[in-house]
Amino acid sequence: MCCYKLKSNLFDDIAMPLLDQIKKRRIALGFKQSDMQMRVGMSRQQYQRLEASGNPRLNTLELVAKGLNSEIMLIPQEKRDAVLALLAGHAAGIPSSDVEDDGNSIIDDPWKDLLGDD
């Protein structure tokens, strides 16, 4: 579950392994591992094992993400840079209308070219 490191520190969270992202999100929300029992219905021990070295099933990851007010998203590699640029504009507080627009904005048509179709 290793990811490559991005050059920009702004997106370190995106480059870190998924389980590390889950732990960081839980801590950022101020939750303890024991709090996850009420949020996702798994014991502290189960949740601790998941964060430490788990290999969870997809439905478990979706449940944990929901408990952390998040969602799991699959981003095609060829769209990764566009997503990062969009997030960079959002993180910098730039309204989406001020982000460079070539008329084919992902905001206007989020499904455009997603599967490589023209």
N, C-alpha and C. Protein backbone atom coordinates (compact mmCIF):
# COMPACT_ATOMS: atom_id res chain seq x y z
N MET A 1 0.82 -1.19 0.00
CA MET A 1 0.00 0.00 0.00
C MET A 1 0.86 1.25 0.00
N CYS A 2 1.86 1.28 -0.81
CA CYS A 2 2.74 2.43 -0.83
C CYS A 2 2.40 3.33 -2.01
N CYS A 3 2.54 4.58 -1.81
CA CYS A 3 2.30 5.55 -2.87
C CYS A 3 3.58 6.30 -3.12
N TYR A 4 3.69 6.91 -4.30
CA TYR A 4 4.88 7.70 -4.56
C TYR A 4 4.72 9.08 -3.96
N LYS A 5 5.81 9.71 -3.68
CA LYS A 5 5.83 11.01 -3.02
C LYS A 5 5.71 12.12 -4.06
N LEU A 6 4.82 13.05 -3.83
CA LEU A 6 4.68 14.20 -4.71
C LEU A 6 5.71 15.25 -4.35
N LYS A 7 6.03 16.11 -5.30
CA LYS A 7 6.99 17.18 -5.05
C LYS A 7 6.41 18.24 -4.13
N SER A 8 5.12 18.53 -4.26
CA SER A 8 4.49 19.59 -3.50
C SER A 8 4.09 19.11 -2.12
N ASN A 9 4.43 19.87 -1.09
CA ASN A 9 4.01 19.53 0.27
C ASN A 9 2.52 19.71 0.47
N LEU A 10 1.88 20.49 -0.40
CA LEU A 10 0.45 20.75 -0.29
C LEU A 10 -0.35 19.46 -0.39
N PHE A 11 0.15 18.49 -1.11
CA PHE A 11 -0.60 17.27 -1.35
C PHE A 11 0.03 16.05 -0.70
N ASP A 12 0.74 16.24 0.39
CA ASP A 12 1.35 15.11 1.07
C ASP A 12 0.32 14.08 1.50
N ASP A 13 -0.87 14.54 1.88
CA ASP A 13 -1.92 13.60 2.30
C ASP A 13 -2.31 12.67 1.17
N ILE A 14 -2.34 13.18 -0.05
CA ILE A 14 -2.73 12.37 -1.20
C ILE A 14 -1.66 11.33 -1.50
N ALA A 15 -0.40 11.64 -1.24
CA ALA A 15 0.70 10.74 -1.56
C ALA A 15 0.89 9.66 -0.50
N MET A 16 0.35 9.86 0.70
CA MET A 16 0.59 8.89 1.75
C MET A 16 -0.34 7.69 1.58
N PRO A 17 0.05 6.54 2.12
CA PRO A 17 -0.78 5.34 2.02
C PRO A 17 -2.18 5.58 2.61
N LEU A 18 -3.15 4.87 2.07
CA LEU A 18 -4.54 5.07 2.45
C LEU A 18 -4.78 4.90 3.95
N LEU A 19 -4.20 3.89 4.56
CA LEU A 19 -4.43 3.67 5.99
C LEU A 19 -3.85 4.82 6.83
N ASP A 20 -2.76 5.41 6.37
CA ASP A 20 -2.21 6.58 7.06
C ASP A 20 -3.14 7.78 6.91
N GLN A 21 -3.75 7.90 5.72
CA GLN A 21 -4.70 8.98 5.51
C GLN A 21 -5.91 8.83 6.43
N ILE A 22 -6.36 7.59 6.61
CA ILE A 22 -7.50 7.33 7.49
C ILE A 22 -7.16 7.75 8.92
N LYS A 23 -5.99 7.36 9.39
CA LYS A 23 -5.58 7.72 10.75
C LYS A 23 -5.47 9.23 10.90
N LYS A 24 -4.85 9.88 9.93
CA LYS A 24 -4.68 11.33 10.00
C LYS A 24 -6.04 12.03 10.01
N ARG A 25 -6.98 11.54 9.23
CA ARG A 25 -8.32 12.13 9.18
C ARG A 25 -9.03 11.95 10.53
N ARG A 26 -8.91 10.77 11.11
CA ARG A 26 -9.54 10.50 12.41
C ARG A 26 -9.00 11.47 13.46
N ILE A 27 -7.69 11.63 13.48
CA ILE A 27 -7.06 12.53 14.45
C ILE A 27 -7.47 13.98 14.19
N ALA A 28 -7.53 14.37 12.91
CA ALA A 28 -7.92 15.74 12.57
C ALA A 28 -9.35 16.04 13.03
N LEU A 29 -10.20 15.03 13.03
CA LEU A 29 -11.58 15.21 13.49
C LEU A 29 -11.69 15.14 15.01
N GLY A 30 -10.58 14.80 15.66
CA GLY A 30 -10.57 14.73 17.12
C GLY A 30 -11.16 13.44 17.68
N PHE A 31 -11.19 12.38 16.88
CA PHE A 31 -11.73 11.11 17.33
C PHE A 31 -10.63 10.20 17.85
N LYS A 32 -10.96 9.42 18.87
CA LYS A 32 -10.08 8.36 19.34
C LYS A 32 -10.48 7.08 18.62
N GLN A 33 -9.61 6.09 18.65
CA GLN A 33 -9.96 4.81 18.03
C GLN A 33 -11.23 4.24 18.66
N SER A 34 -11.40 4.43 19.94
CA SER A 34 -12.59 3.92 20.61
C SER A 34 -13.86 4.63 20.15
N ASP A 35 -13.75 5.86 19.67
CA ASP A 35 -14.91 6.58 19.14
C ASP A 35 -15.45 5.94 17.87
N MET A 36 -14.61 5.23 17.19
CA MET A 36 -15.01 4.64 15.91
C MET A 36 -16.04 3.53 16.08
N GLN A 37 -16.12 2.95 17.28
CA GLN A 37 -17.11 1.91 17.52
C GLN A 37 -18.51 2.45 17.27
N MET A 38 -18.79 3.62 17.79
CA MET A 38 -20.11 4.22 17.60
C MET A 38 -20.30 4.74 16.18
N ARG A 39 -19.22 5.16 15.55
CA ARG A 39 -19.33 5.76 14.22
C ARG A 39 -19.42 4.73 13.11
N VAL A 40 -18.74 3.59 13.27
CA VAL A 40 -18.73 2.60 12.18
C VAL A 40 -19.12 1.20 12.62
N GLY A 41 -19.32 1.00 13.91
CA GLY A 41 -19.79 -0.29 14.38
C GLY A 41 -18.72 -1.37 14.47
N MET A 42 -17.49 -0.98 14.68
CA MET A 42 -16.44 -2.00 14.91
C MET A 42 -15.74 -1.68 16.22
N SER A 43 -15.26 -2.71 16.86
CA SER A 43 -14.63 -2.52 18.16
C SER A 43 -13.33 -1.73 18.02
N ARG A 44 -12.87 -1.16 19.14
CA ARG A 44 -11.62 -0.43 19.13
C ARG A 44 -10.48 -1.32 18.66
N GLN A 45 -10.50 -2.58 19.10
CA GLN A 45 -9.42 -3.50 18.71
C GLN A 45 -9.43 -3.75 17.20
N GLN A 46 -10.61 -3.95 16.64
CA GLN A 46 -10.71 -4.16 15.20
C GLN A 46 -10.22 -2.92 14.44
N TYR A 47 -10.66 -1.76 14.92
CA TYR A 47 -10.27 -0.53 14.25
C TYR A 47 -8.77 -0.28 14.40
N GLN A 48 -8.23 -0.55 15.57
CA GLN A 48 -6.80 -0.38 15.81
C GLN A 48 -6.00 -1.28 14.86
N ARG A 49 -6.45 -2.51 14.68
CA ARG A 49 -5.77 -3.44 13.78
C ARG A 49 -5.84 -2.93 12.34
N LEU A 50 -6.98 -2.36 11.95
CA LEU A 50 -7.14 -1.82 10.60
C LEU A 50 -6.13 -0.71 10.35
N GLU A 51 -6.03 0.24 11.28
CA GLU A 51 -5.09 1.35 11.12
C GLU A 51 -3.64 0.89 11.16
N ALA A 52 -3.35 -0.08 11.99
CA ALA A 52 -1.95 -0.50 12.19
C ALA A 52 -1.40 -1.29 11.00
N SER A 53 -2.15 -2.24 10.53
CA SER A 53 -1.59 -3.08 9.47
C SER A 53 -2.67 -3.83 8.72
N GLY A 54 -3.84 -3.28 8.72
CA GLY A 54 -4.96 -3.99 8.12
C GLY A 54 -4.89 -4.09 6.62
N ASN A 55 -5.64 -5.02 6.13
CA ASN A 55 -5.86 -5.20 4.70
C ASN A 55 -7.37 -5.30 4.54
N PRO A 56 -8.08 -4.18 4.76
CA PRO A 56 -9.54 -4.22 4.83
C PRO A 56 -10.19 -4.46 3.48
N ARG A 57 -11.39 -5.01 3.55
CA ARG A 57 -12.20 -5.18 2.34
C ARG A 57 -12.74 -3.80 1.95
N LEU A 58 -13.15 -3.70 0.71
CA LEU A 58 -13.65 -2.43 0.19
C LEU A 58 -14.86 -1.94 0.98
N ASN A 59 -15.77 -2.83 1.33
CA ASN A 59 -16.95 -2.37 2.08
C ASN A 59 -16.56 -1.86 3.45
N THR A 60 -15.51 -2.40 4.06
CA THR A 60 -15.02 -1.90 5.34
C THR A 60 -14.42 -0.51 5.17
N LEU A 61 -13.64 -0.32 4.11
CA LEU A 61 -13.07 1.00 3.83
C LEU A 61 -14.16 2.04 3.60
N GLU A 62 -15.20 1.66 2.88
CA GLU A 62 -16.30 2.59 2.63
C GLU A 62 -17.01 2.94 3.93
N LEU A 63 -17.18 1.97 4.81
CA LEU A 63 -17.83 2.20 6.10
C LEU A 63 -16.98 3.15 6.96
N VAL A 64 -15.68 2.91 7.01
CA VAL A 64 -14.78 3.76 7.79
C VAL A 64 -14.76 5.18 7.21
N ALA A 65 -14.68 5.29 5.89
CA ALA A 65 -14.69 6.61 5.26
C ALA A 65 -15.96 7.37 5.62
N LYS A 66 -17.09 6.71 5.58
CA LYS A 66 -18.35 7.36 5.94
C LYS A 66 -18.32 7.81 7.40
N GLY A 67 -17.76 7.00 8.27
CA GLY A 67 -17.64 7.36 9.68
C GLY A 67 -16.72 8.53 9.92
N LEU A 68 -15.85 8.80 8.95
CA LEU A 68 -14.91 9.93 9.04
C LEU A 68 -15.36 11.11 8.17
N ASN A 69 -16.64 11.11 7.81
CA ASN A 69 -17.21 12.16 6.97
C ASN A 69 -16.40 12.35 5.69
N SER A 70 -16.03 11.23 5.07
CA SER A 70 -15.22 11.24 3.86
C SER A 70 -15.79 10.22 2.89
N GLU A 71 -15.16 10.14 1.74
CA GLU A 71 -15.52 9.08 0.81
C GLU A 71 -14.28 8.67 0.04
N ILE A 72 -14.32 7.45 -0.43
CA ILE A 72 -13.21 6.91 -1.21
C ILE A 72 -13.53 7.17 -2.67
N MET A 73 -12.51 7.63 -3.40
CA MET A 73 -12.73 7.96 -4.80
C MET A 73 -11.60 7.39 -5.64
N LEU A 74 -11.97 6.78 -6.73
CA LEU A 74 -11.01 6.25 -7.68
C LEU A 74 -10.76 7.30 -8.74
N ILE A 75 -9.52 7.74 -8.87
CA ILE A 75 -9.18 8.78 -9.82
C ILE A 75 -8.26 8.18 -10.88
N PRO A 76 -8.69 8.20 -12.14
CA PRO A 76 -7.81 7.68 -13.20
C PRO A 76 -6.48 8.43 -13.21
N GLN A 77 -5.39 7.71 -13.43
CA GLN A 77 -4.07 8.34 -13.39
C GLN A 77 -3.96 9.51 -14.34
N GLU A 78 -4.56 9.38 -15.52
CA GLU A 78 -4.44 10.46 -16.49
C GLU A 78 -5.22 11.71 -16.07
N LYS A 79 -6.11 11.59 -15.09
CA LYS A 79 -6.88 12.74 -14.58
C LYS A 79 -6.33 13.26 -13.26
N ARG A 80 -5.32 12.60 -12.73
CA ARG A 80 -4.78 12.93 -11.42
C ARG A 80 -4.27 14.37 -11.34
N ASP A 81 -3.53 14.81 -12.35
CA ASP A 81 -2.99 16.17 -12.35
C ASP A 81 -4.10 17.21 -12.36
N ALA A 82 -5.16 16.95 -13.12
CA ALA A 82 -6.29 17.89 -13.17
C ALA A 82 -6.98 17.96 -11.81
N VAL A 83 -7.12 16.83 -11.15
CA VAL A 83 -7.74 16.81 -9.82
C VAL A 83 -6.85 17.55 -8.82
N LEU A 84 -5.56 17.33 -8.87
CA LEU A 84 -4.64 18.03 -7.98
C LEU A 84 -4.67 19.53 -8.21
N ALA A 85 -4.75 19.95 -9.47
CA ALA A 85 -4.83 21.38 -9.78
C ALA A 85 -6.11 21.98 -9.23
N LEU A 86 -7.19 21.25 -9.36
CA LEU A 86 -8.47 21.71 -8.83
C LEU A 86 -8.41 21.83 -7.31
N LEU A 87 -7.81 20.84 -6.66
CA LEU A 87 -7.65 20.88 -5.21
C LEU A 87 -6.71 22.00 -4.78
N ALA A 88 -5.68 22.26 -5.57
CA ALA A 88 -4.75 23.34 -5.24
C ALA A 88 -5.47 24.68 -5.26
N GLY A 89 -6.33 24.87 -6.24
CA GLY A 89 -7.10 26.10 -6.31
C GLY A 89 -8.05 26.22 -5.14
N HIS A 90 -8.66 25.12 -4.76
CA HIS A 90 -9.58 25.11 -3.62
C HIS A 90 -8.82 25.38 -2.32
N ALA A 91 -7.67 24.74 -2.14
CA ALA A 91 -6.88 24.91 -0.91
C ALA A 91 -6.35 26.33 -0.80
N ALA A 92 -6.08 26.96 -1.94
CA ALA A 92 -5.56 28.33 -1.94
C ALA A 92 -6.68 29.35 -1.80
N GLY A 93 -7.92 28.88 -1.80
CA GLY A 93 -9.05 29.78 -1.66
C GLY A 93 -9.44 30.47 -2.95
N ILE A 94 -8.99 29.93 -4.07
CA ILE A 94 -9.32 30.51 -5.37
C ILE A 94 -10.67 29.96 -5.79
N PRO A 95 -11.64 30.83 -6.05
CA PRO A 95 -12.93 30.34 -6.51
C PRO A 95 -12.77 29.56 -7.81
N SER A 96 -13.57 28.55 -8.00
CA SER A 96 -13.44 27.71 -9.18
C SER A 96 -13.60 28.51 -10.46
N SER A 97 -14.30 29.63 -10.43
CA SER A 97 -14.45 30.46 -11.62
C SER A 97 -13.14 31.15 -12.00
N ASP A 98 -12.20 31.28 -11.04
CA ASP A 98 -10.92 31.92 -11.31
C ASP A 98 -9.85 30.94 -11.77
N VAL A 99 -10.14 29.64 -11.68
CA VAL A 99 -9.19 28.63 -12.14
C VAL A 99 -9.24 28.62 -13.65
N GLU A 100 -8.09 28.50 -14.27
CA GLU A 100 -8.00 28.55 -15.73
C GLU A 100 -9.01 27.60 -16.35
N ASP A 101 -9.78 28.12 -17.30
CA ASP A 101 -10.85 27.35 -17.92
C ASP A 101 -10.66 27.37 -19.42
N ASP A 102 -10.57 26.19 -20.01
CA ASP A 102 -10.42 26.10 -21.45
C ASP A 102 -11.74 25.77 -22.13
N GLY A 103 -12.83 25.92 -21.39
CA GLY A 103 -14.15 25.63 -21.94
C GLY A 103 -14.55 24.18 -21.77
N ASN A 104 -13.63 23.34 -21.38
CA ASN A 104 -13.91 21.92 -21.17
C ASN A 104 -13.68 21.56 -19.72
N SER A 105 -14.17 22.38 -18.83
CA SER A 105 -13.93 22.23 -17.40
C SER A 105 -14.51 20.94 -16.86
N ILE A 106 -13.78 20.33 -15.94
CA ILE A 106 -14.26 19.14 -15.26
C ILE A 106 -15.49 19.48 -14.42
N ILE A 107 -15.60 20.74 -14.01
CA ILE A 107 -16.76 21.17 -13.25
C ILE A 107 -17.99 21.20 -14.15
N ASP A 108 -17.82 21.64 -15.40
CA ASP A 108 -18.93 21.67 -16.34
C ASP A 108 -19.37 20.26 -16.74
N ASP A 109 -18.42 19.37 -16.91
CA ASP A 109 -18.73 17.99 -17.33
C ASP A 109 -17.77 17.05 -16.62
N PRO A 110 -18.09 16.64 -15.37
CA PRO A 110 -17.17 15.80 -14.61
C PRO A 110 -16.93 14.42 -15.21
N TRP A 111 -17.79 13.99 -16.11
CA TRP A 111 -17.65 12.65 -16.70
C TRP A 111 -16.89 12.68 -18.02
N LYS A 112 -16.58 13.87 -18.53
CA LYS A 112 -15.93 14.00 -19.82
C LYS A 112 -14.59 13.26 -19.81
N ASP A 113 -14.41 12.42 -20.79
CA ASP A 113 -13.17 11.67 -20.99
C ASP A 113 -12.76 10.78 -19.82
N LEU A 114 -13.68 10.51 -18.92
CA LEU A 114 -13.34 9.71 -17.75
C LEU A 114 -12.88 8.31 -18.15
N LEU A 115 -13.56 7.73 -19.10
CA LEU A 115 -13.21 6.37 -19.51
C LEU A 115 -12.41 6.37 -20.81
N GLY A 116 -11.94 7.53 -21.22
CA GLY A 116 -11.15 7.61 -22.44
C GLY A 116 -12.02 7.73 -23.68
N ASP A 117 -13.33 7.88 -23.51
CA ASP A 117 -14.24 8.06 -24.64
C ASP A 117 -14.12 9.49 -25.15
N ASP A 118 -14.39 9.68 -26.42
CA ASP A 118 -14.38 11.04 -26.98
C ASP A 118 -15.77 11.59 -27.05
